[in-house]
Amino acid sequence: MAHKSALPGPSASGCITEKAFSQWASAHGLSICQGPPHPSPFTHIYATPNYPNLVKRVEDVRTNLRSKPAPVGS
C-alpha cells in the first residue's frame, strides 16, 4: 500500500496556500479539474480515483452550489 503524505500545513494566516496545495497535488499525481465559480481559496479543485473522499467533497460542493439560489448582484 502506497504511503500518502499529509497535506502541507497551514500558512501563518491559518490557510493552506494554493501554491502549497498545488505542489502537493502534483506530487501525488492528482488531475486538475476546473473549480466551481464561487469564492474559494483555490482556483482549481483536485480530483482523482486515488482520493475518493476528496472527490466526494468536490461533488458535495457542486451539488450544494447547484441547490442554492444565485447570489444577488452576480
Protein backbone atom coordinates (compact mmCIF):
# COMPACT_ATOMS: atom_id res chain seq x y z
CA MET A 1 0.00 0.00 0.00
CA ALA A 2 1.45 3.32 -1.08
CA HIS A 3 2.19 5.89 1.58
CA LYS A 4 0.19 9.09 1.23
CA SER A 5 1.72 12.14 2.82
CA ALA A 6 -0.48 14.59 4.61
CA LEU A 7 -1.46 17.85 3.05
CA PRO A 8 1.05 20.62 3.74
CA GLY A 9 0.39 22.59 6.89
CA PRO A 10 -1.38 25.93 7.08
CA SER A 11 0.39 29.18 6.48
CA ALA A 12 0.70 31.93 9.09
CA SER A 13 -2.79 33.09 8.08
CA GLY A 14 -4.21 29.71 9.07
CA CYS A 15 -4.97 28.74 5.47
CA ILE A 16 -3.06 26.43 3.18
CA THR A 17 -1.82 28.40 0.20
CA GLU A 18 -2.91 27.49 -3.31
CA LYS A 19 0.74 27.11 -4.32
CA ALA A 20 1.42 24.67 -1.48
CA PHE A 21 -1.71 22.69 -2.26
CA SER A 22 -0.89 22.66 -5.96
CA GLN A 23 2.62 21.37 -5.30
CA TRP A 24 1.26 18.65 -3.01
CA ALA A 25 -1.39 17.67 -5.55
CA SER A 26 1.15 17.49 -8.37
CA ALA A 27 3.46 15.34 -6.26
CA HIS A 28 0.59 12.89 -5.70
CA GLY A 29 -0.47 12.71 -9.35
CA LEU A 30 -3.76 14.49 -8.86
CA SER A 31 -5.51 15.64 -12.00
CA ILE A 32 -6.82 19.19 -12.10
CA CYS A 33 -10.48 19.96 -12.70
CA GLN A 34 -11.82 23.48 -13.02
CA GLY A 35 -13.41 24.54 -9.78
CA PRO A 36 -16.96 25.79 -9.44
CA PRO A 37 -17.49 29.54 -9.89
CA HIS A 38 -17.60 30.69 -6.29
CA PRO A 39 -15.19 32.31 -3.82
CA SER A 40 -12.61 29.70 -2.92
CA PRO A 41 -9.07 29.63 -1.56
CA PHE A 42 -8.17 27.61 -4.67
CA THR A 43 -8.88 28.30 -8.32
CA HIS A 44 -8.93 24.58 -9.08
CA ILE A 45 -10.37 21.50 -7.46
CA TYR A 46 -8.26 18.38 -7.50
CA ALA A 47 -9.94 15.06 -8.11
CA THR A 48 -8.59 11.55 -8.62
CA PRO A 49 -9.82 8.00 -8.10
CA ASN A 50 -6.98 7.51 -5.59
CA TYR A 51 -8.58 10.11 -3.31
CA PRO A 52 -12.30 9.17 -3.26
CA ASN A 53 -13.01 11.27 -0.17
CA LEU A 54 -11.66 14.36 -1.91
CA VAL A 55 -13.74 13.61 -4.98
CA LYS A 56 -16.81 13.13 -2.78
CA ARG A 57 -16.25 16.51 -1.13
CA VAL A 58 -15.89 18.11 -4.54
CA GLU A 59 -19.19 16.61 -5.65
CA ASP A 60 -20.87 17.69 -2.40
CA VAL A 61 -19.72 21.25 -3.02
CA ARG A 62 -21.01 21.23 -6.58
CA THR A 63 -24.35 19.73 -5.52
CA ASN A 64 -24.75 22.27 -2.72
CA LEU A 65 -23.94 25.15 -5.06
CA ARG A 66 -26.47 23.98 -7.64
CA SER A 67 -29.17 23.73 -4.99
CA LYS A 68 -28.71 27.30 -3.78
CA PRO A 69 -30.16 30.38 -5.48
CA ALA A 70 -27.74 32.55 -7.41
CA PRO A 71 -26.20 35.31 -5.28
CA VAL A 72 -27.75 38.74 -5.69
CA GLY A 73 -25.70 41.12 -7.82
CA SER A 74 -23.82 38.44 -9.78
